[in-house]
PDB file of N, CA and C in Angstrom:
ATOM      1  N   UNK A   1    -126.038 -83.348 -26.351  1.00  0.00           N
ATOM      2  CA  UNK A   1    -126.690 -82.403 -27.252  1.00  0.00           C
ATOM      3  C   UNK A   1    -128.191 -82.305 -26.955  1.00  0.00           C
ATOM      4  N   UNK A   2    -128.811 -83.423 -26.653  1.00  0.00           N
ATOM      5  CA  UNK A   2    -130.236 -83.407 -26.368  1.00  0.00           C
ATOM      6  C   UNK A   2    -130.521 -82.663 -25.060  1.00  0.00           C
ATOM      7  N   UNK A   3    -129.616 -82.740 -24.113  1.00  0.00           N
ATOM      8  CA  UNK A   3    -129.800 -82.049 -22.839  1.00  0.00           C
ATOM      9  C   UNK A   3    -129.848 -80.528 -23.041  1.00  0.00           C
ATOM     10  N   UNK A   4    -129.017 -79.995 -23.899  1.00  0.00           N
ATOM     11  CA  UNK A   4    -129.037 -78.565 -24.186  1.00  0.00           C
ATOM     12  C   UNK A   4    -130.351 -78.145 -24.829  1.00  0.00           C
ATOM     13  N   UNK A   5    -130.882 -78.983 -25.706  1.00  0.00           N
ATOM     14  CA  UNK A   5    -132.161 -78.679 -26.339  1.00  0.00           C
ATOM     15  C   UNK A   5    -133.277 -78.612 -25.304  1.00  0.00           C
ATOM     16  N   UNK A   6    -133.195 -79.498 -24.294  1.00  0.00           N
ATOM     17  CA  UNK A   6    -134.214 -79.505 -23.245  1.00  0.00           C
ATOM     18  C   UNK A   6    -134.179 -78.196 -22.460  1.00  0.00           C
ATOM     19  N   UNK A   7    -132.983 -77.700 -22.151  1.00  0.00           N
ATOM     20  CA  UNK A   7    -132.869 -76.435 -21.425  1.00  0.00           C
ATOM     21  C   UNK A   7    -133.426 -75.282 -22.257  1.00  0.00           C
ATOM     22  N   UNK A   8    -133.147 -75.280 -23.529  1.00  0.00           N
ATOM     23  CA  UNK A   8    -133.670 -74.229 -24.392  1.00  0.00           C
ATOM     24  C   UNK A   8    -135.189 -74.306 -24.491  1.00  0.00           C
ATOM     25  N   UNK A   9    -135.701 -75.530 -24.525  1.00  0.00           N
ATOM     26  CA  UNK A   9    -137.139 -75.713 -24.615  1.00  0.00           C
ATOM     27  C   UNK A   9    -137.828 -75.173 -23.358  1.00  0.00           C
ATOM     28  N   UNK A  10    -137.266 -75.440 -22.194  1.00  0.00           N
ATOM     29  CA  UNK A  10    -137.841 -74.924 -20.955  1.00  0.00           C
ATOM     30  C   UNK A  10    -137.773 -73.403 -20.944  1.00  0.00           C
ATOM     31  N   UNK A  11    -136.648 -72.858 -21.330  1.00  0.00           N
ATOM     32  CA  UNK A  11    -136.487 -71.399 -21.337  1.00  0.00           C
ATOM     33  C   UNK A  11    -137.483 -70.749 -22.296  1.00  0.00           C
ATOM     34  N   UNK A  12    -137.622 -71.302 -23.472  1.00  0.00           N
ATOM     35  CA  UNK A  12    -138.551 -70.734 -24.442  1.00  0.00           C
ATOM     36  C   UNK A  12    -139.994 -70.888 -23.975  1.00  0.00           C
ATOM     37  N   UNK A  13    -140.281 -71.997 -23.299  1.00  0.00           N
ATOM     38  CA  UNK A  13    -141.649 -72.241 -22.857  1.00  0.00           C
ATOM     39  C   UNK A  13    -142.027 -71.325 -21.697  1.00  0.00           C
ATOM     40  N   UNK A  14    -141.124 -71.117 -20.752  1.00  0.00           N
ATOM     41  CA  UNK A  14    -141.450 -70.353 -19.545  1.00  0.00           C
ATOM     42  C   UNK A  14    -141.050 -68.887 -19.633  1.00  0.00           C
ATOM     43  N   UNK A  15    -139.895 -68.608 -20.177  1.00  0.00           N
ATOM     44  CA  UNK A  15    -139.363 -67.258 -20.075  1.00  0.00           C
ATOM     45  C   UNK A  15    -139.744 -66.321 -21.196  1.00  0.00           C
ATOM     46  N   UNK A  16    -140.058 -66.838 -22.336  1.00  0.00           N
ATOM     47  CA  UNK A  16    -140.304 -65.977 -23.489  1.00  0.00           C
ATOM     48  C   UNK A  16    -141.774 -66.014 -23.903  1.00  0.00           C
ATOM     49  N   UNK A  17    -142.663 -65.814 -22.949  1.00  0.00           N
ATOM     50  CA  UNK A  17    -144.085 -65.835 -23.266  1.00  0.00           C
ATOM     51  C   UNK A  17    -144.450 -64.584 -24.058  1.00  0.00           C
ATOM     52  N   UNK A  18    -145.285 -64.725 -25.068  1.00  0.00           N
ATOM     53  CA  UNK A  18    -145.695 -63.547 -25.833  1.00  0.00           C
ATOM     54  C   UNK A  18    -146.509 -62.608 -24.953  1.00  0.00           C
ATOM     55  N   UNK A  19    -146.347 -61.331 -25.158  1.00  0.00           N
ATOM     56  CA  UNK A  19    -147.034 -60.341 -24.335  1.00  0.00           C
ATOM     57  C   UNK A  19    -148.165 -59.700 -25.110  1.00  0.00           C
ATOM     58  N   UNK A  20    -149.176 -59.353 -24.385  1.00  0.00           N
ATOM     59  CA  UNK A  20    -150.308 -58.638 -24.957  1.00  0.00           C
ATOM     60  C   UNK A  20    -149.914 -57.170 -25.081  1.00  0.00           C
ATOM     61  N   UNK A  21    -149.736 -56.687 -26.277  1.00  0.00           N
ATOM     62  CA  UNK A  21    -149.245 -55.324 -26.505  1.00  0.00           C
ATOM     63  C   UNK A  21    -150.244 -54.272 -26.034  1.00  0.00           C
ATOM     64  N   UNK A  22    -151.519 -54.594 -26.013  1.00  0.00           N
ATOM     65  CA  UNK A  22    -152.511 -53.590 -25.624  1.00  0.00           C
ATOM     66  C   UNK A  22    -152.456 -53.268 -24.137  1.00  0.00           C
ATOM     67  N   UNK A  23    -151.921 -54.180 -23.313  1.00  0.00           N
ATOM     68  CA  UNK A  23    -151.856 -53.948 -21.871  1.00  0.00           C
ATOM     69  C   UNK A  23    -150.478 -53.501 -21.423  1.00  0.00           C
ATOM     70  N   UNK A  24    -149.537 -53.368 -22.306  1.00  0.00           N
ATOM     71  CA  UNK A  24    -148.208 -52.887 -21.936  1.00  0.00           C
ATOM     72  C   UNK A  24    -147.252 -54.016 -21.599  1.00  0.00           C
ATOM     73  N   UNK A  25    -146.108 -53.642 -21.029  1.00  0.00           N
ATOM     74  CA  UNK A  25    -145.033 -54.596 -20.776  1.00  0.00           C
ATOM     75  C   UNK A  25    -145.342 -55.530 -19.620  1.00  0.00           C
ATOM     76  N   UNK A  26    -146.256 -55.169 -18.736  1.00  0.00           N
ATOM     77  CA  UNK A  26    -146.521 -55.982 -17.559  1.00  0.00           C
ATOM     78  C   UNK A  26    -147.838 -56.741 -17.681  1.00  0.00           C
ATOM     79  N   UNK A  27    -148.129 -57.244 -18.865  1.00  0.00           N
ATOM     80  CA  UNK A  27    -149.393 -57.927 -19.106  1.00  0.00           C
ATOM     81  C   UNK A  27    -149.508 -59.210 -18.304  1.00  0.00           C
ATOM     82  N   UNK A  28    -148.398 -59.899 -18.042  1.00  0.00           N
ATOM     83  CA  UNK A  28    -148.444 -61.170 -17.325  1.00  0.00           C
ATOM     84  C   UNK A  28    -148.008 -61.010 -15.877  1.00  0.00           C
ATOM     85  N   UNK A  29    -147.980 -59.815 -15.367  1.00  0.00           N
ATOM     86  CA  UNK A  29    -147.545 -59.561 -13.999  1.00  0.00           C
ATOM     87  C   UNK A  29    -148.611 -60.021 -13.014  1.00  0.00           C
ATOM     88  N   UNK A  30    -148.220 -60.717 -11.939  1.00  0.00           N
ATOM     89  CA  UNK A  30    -149.199 -61.161 -10.954  1.00  0.00           C
ATOM     90  C   UNK A  30    -149.677 -60.037 -10.034  1.00  0.00           C
ATOM     91  N   UNK A  31    -149.065 -58.869 -10.125  1.00  0.00           N
ATOM     92  CA  UNK A  31    -149.456 -57.758  -9.275  1.00  0.00           C
ATOM     93  C   UNK A  31    -150.786 -57.185  -9.743  1.00  0.00           C
ATOM     94  N   UNK A  32    -151.627 -56.747  -8.809  1.00  0.00           N
ATOM     95  CA  UNK A  32    -152.903 -56.165  -9.225  1.00  0.00           C
ATOM     96  C   UNK A  32    -152.690 -54.832  -9.929  1.00  0.00           C
ATOM     97  N   UNK A  33    -153.527 -54.566 -10.888  1.00  0.00           N
ATOM     98  CA  UNK A  33    -153.405 -53.301 -11.608  1.00  0.00           C
ATOM     99  C   UNK A  33    -153.931 -52.176 -10.729  1.00  0.00           C
ATOM    100  N   UNK A  34    -153.438 -50.957 -10.931  1.00  0.00           N
ATOM    101  CA  UNK A  34    -153.895 -49.844 -10.105  1.00  0.00           C
ATOM    102  C   UNK A  34    -155.375 -49.521 -10.302  1.00  0.00           C
ATOM    103  N   UNK A  35    -155.966 -49.984 -11.379  1.00  0.00           N
ATOM    104  CA  UNK A  35    -157.369 -49.706 -11.640  1.00  0.00           C
ATOM    105  C   UNK A  35    -158.298 -50.689 -10.950  1.00  0.00           C
ATOM    106  N   UNK A  36    -157.776 -51.831 -10.494  1.00  0.00           N
ATOM    107  CA  UNK A  36    -158.628 -52.824  -9.853  1.00  0.00           C
ATOM    108  C   UNK A  36    -158.940 -52.398  -8.427  1.00  0.00           C
ATOM    109  N   UNK A  37    -160.152 -52.667  -7.955  1.00  0.00           N
ATOM    110  CA  UNK A  37    -160.497 -52.290  -6.587  1.00  0.00           C
ATOM    111  C   UNK A  37    -159.725 -53.139  -5.583  1.00  0.00           C
ATOM    112  N   UNK A  38    -159.281 -52.494  -4.511  1.00  0.00           N
ATOM    113  CA  UNK A  38    -158.523 -53.208  -3.496  1.00  0.00           C
ATOM    114  C   UNK A  38    -159.466 -53.566  -2.362  1.00  0.00           C
ATOM    115  N   UNK A  39    -159.262 -54.744  -1.792  1.00  0.00           N
ATOM    116  CA  UNK A  39    -160.110 -55.191  -0.695  1.00  0.00           C
ATOM    117  C   UNK A  39    -159.295 -56.048   0.256  1.00  0.00           C
ATOM    118  N   UNK A  40    -159.807 -56.209   1.469  1.00  0.00           N
ATOM    119  CA  UNK A  40    -159.159 -57.082   2.433  1.00  0.00           C
ATOM    120  C   UNK A  40    -159.535 -58.525   2.136  1.00  0.00           C
ATOM    121  N   UNK A  41    -158.609 -59.435   2.415  1.00  0.00           N
ATOM    122  CA  UNK A  41    -158.910 -60.849   2.243  1.00  0.00           C
ATOM    123  C   UNK A  41    -159.668 -61.348   3.466  1.00  0.00           C
ATOM    124  N   UNK A  42    -160.266 -62.501   3.340  1.00  0.00           N
ATOM    125  CA  UNK A  42    -161.017 -63.093   4.442  1.00  0.00           C
ATOM    126  C   UNK A  42    -160.114 -63.356   5.641  1.00  0.00           C
ATOM    127  N   UNK A  43    -158.910 -63.807   5.395  1.00  0.00           N
ATOM    128  CA  UNK A  43    -157.967 -64.091   6.480  1.00  0.00           C
ATOM    129  C   UNK A  43    -157.636 -62.815   7.246  1.00  0.00           C
ATOM    130  N   UNK A  44    -157.396 -61.740   6.531  1.00  0.00           N
ATOM    131  CA  UNK A  44    -157.090 -60.467   7.196  1.00  0.00           C
ATOM    132  C   UNK A  44    -158.252 -59.995   8.060  1.00  0.00           C
ATOM    133  N   UNK A  45    -159.466 -60.117   7.551  1.00  0.00           N
ATOM    134  CA  UNK A  45    -160.631 -59.714   8.333  1.00  0.00           C
ATOM    135  C   UNK A  45    -160.806 -60.584   9.569  1.00  0.00           C
ATOM    136  N   UNK A  46    -160.599 -61.891   9.439  1.00  0.00           N
ATOM    137  CA  UNK A  46    -160.724 -62.787  10.587  1.00  0.00           C
ATOM    138  C   UNK A  46    -159.678 -62.493  11.645  1.00  0.00           C
ATOM    139  N   UNK A  47    -158.475 -62.152  11.235  1.00  0.00           N
ATOM    140  CA  UNK A  47    -157.420 -61.814  12.199  1.00  0.00           C
ATOM    141  C   UNK A  47    -157.796 -60.556  12.966  1.00  0.00           C
ATOM    142  N   UNK A  48    -158.289 -59.549  12.286  1.00  0.00           N
ATOM    143  CA  UNK A  48    -158.679 -58.304  12.952  1.00  0.00           C
ATOM    144  C   UNK A  48    -159.836 -58.551  13.916  1.00  0.00           C
ATOM    145  N   UNK A  49    -160.825 -59.320  13.498  1.00  0.00           N
ATOM    146  CA  UNK A  49    -161.965 -59.627  14.371  1.00  0.00           C
ATOM    147  C   UNK A  49    -161.504 -60.401  15.600  1.00  0.00           C
ATOM    148  N   UNK A  50    -160.578 -61.328  15.424  1.00  0.00           N
ATOM    149  CA  UNK A  50    -160.042 -62.096  16.553  1.00  0.00           C
ATOM    150  C   UNK A  50    -159.306 -61.193  17.531  1.00  0.00           C
ATOM    151  N   UNK A  51    -158.490 -60.296  17.025  1.00  0.00           N
ATOM    152  CA  UNK A  51    -157.746 -59.373  17.898  1.00  0.00           C
ATOM    153  C   UNK A  51    -158.710 -58.473  18.667  1.00  0.00           C
ATOM    154  N   UNK A  52    -159.735 -57.969  18.002  1.00  0.00           N
ATOM    155  CA  UNK A  52    -160.724 -57.128  18.685  1.00  0.00           C
ATOM    156  C   UNK A  52    -161.448 -57.934  19.759  1.00  0.00           C
ATOM    157  N   UNK A  53    -161.786 -59.176  19.450  1.00  0.00           N
ATOM    158  CA  UNK A  53    -162.441 -60.040  20.435  1.00  0.00           C
ATOM    159  C   UNK A  53    -161.571 -60.290  21.655  1.00  0.00           C
ATOM    160  N   UNK A  54    -160.275 -60.505  21.449  1.00  0.00           N
ATOM    161  CA  UNK A  54    -159.345 -60.709  22.572  1.00  0.00           C
ATOM    162  C   UNK A  54    -159.256 -59.446  23.420  1.00  0.00           C
ATOM    163  N   UNK A  55    -159.177 -58.296  22.787  1.00  0.00           N
ATOM    164  CA  UNK A  55    -159.114 -57.034  23.534  1.00  0.00           C
ATOM    165  C   UNK A  55    -160.390 -56.802  24.350  1.00  0.00           C
ATOM    166  N   UNK A  56    -161.542 -57.099  23.782  1.00  0.00           N
ATOM    167  CA  UNK A  56    -162.806 -56.948  24.513  1.00  0.00           C
ATOM    168  C   UNK A  56    -162.848 -57.914  25.691  1.00  0.00           C
ATOM    169  N   UNK A  57    -162.390 -59.157  25.480  1.00  0.00           N
ATOM    170  CA  UNK A  57    -162.374 -60.143  26.564  1.00  0.00           C
ATOM    171  C   UNK A  57    -161.446 -59.711  27.693  1.00  0.00           C
ATOM    172  N   UNK A  58    -160.377 -59.020  27.374  1.00  0.00           N
ATOM    173  CA  UNK A  58    -159.466 -58.530  28.416  1.00  0.00           C
ATOM    174  C   UNK A  58    -160.053 -57.329  29.161  1.00  0.00           C
ATOM    175  N   UNK A  59    -160.846 -56.522  28.486  1.00  0.00           N
ATOM    176  CA  UNK A  59    -161.411 -55.326  29.108  1.00  0.00           C
ATOM    177  C   UNK A  59    -162.669 -55.608  29.931  1.00  0.00           C
ATOM    178  N   UNK A  60    -163.438 -56.630  29.606  1.00  0.00           N
ATOM    179  CA  UNK A  60    -164.686 -56.912  30.316  1.00  0.00           C
ATOM    180  C   UNK A  60    -164.485 -57.179  31.809  1.00  0.00           C
ATOM    181  N   UNK A  61    -163.508 -57.977  32.231  1.00  0.00           N
ATOM    182  CA  UNK A  61    -163.337 -58.193  33.678  1.00  0.00           C
ATOM    183  C   UNK A  61    -162.958 -56.915  34.423  1.00  0.00           C
ATOM    184  N   UNK A  62    -162.368 -55.957  33.759  1.00  0.00           N
ATOM    185  CA  UNK A  62    -161.945 -54.723  34.416  1.00  0.00           C
ATOM    186  C   UNK A  62    -163.118 -53.782  34.673  1.00  0.00           C
ATOM    187  N   UNK A  63    -164.258 -54.001  34.016  1.00  0.00           N
ATOM    188  CA  UNK A  63    -165.410 -53.094  34.162  1.00  0.00           C
ATOM    189  C   UNK A  63    -166.266 -53.472  35.326  1.00  0.00           C
TER     190      UNK A  63
END
């Protein structure tokens, strides 16, 4: 009997979080809102810079 109570407690604690009615049904959604500015992450920028650097290094000997 105590084991069933534990499962209910976990479900109530994690699954039934109260929602902020002013922000709509997706108040606790981890997705960015459409109104927030979008930007590249540092990792994405470093990857692009690395790829450009590799391409330049490959083209320099050909010149």
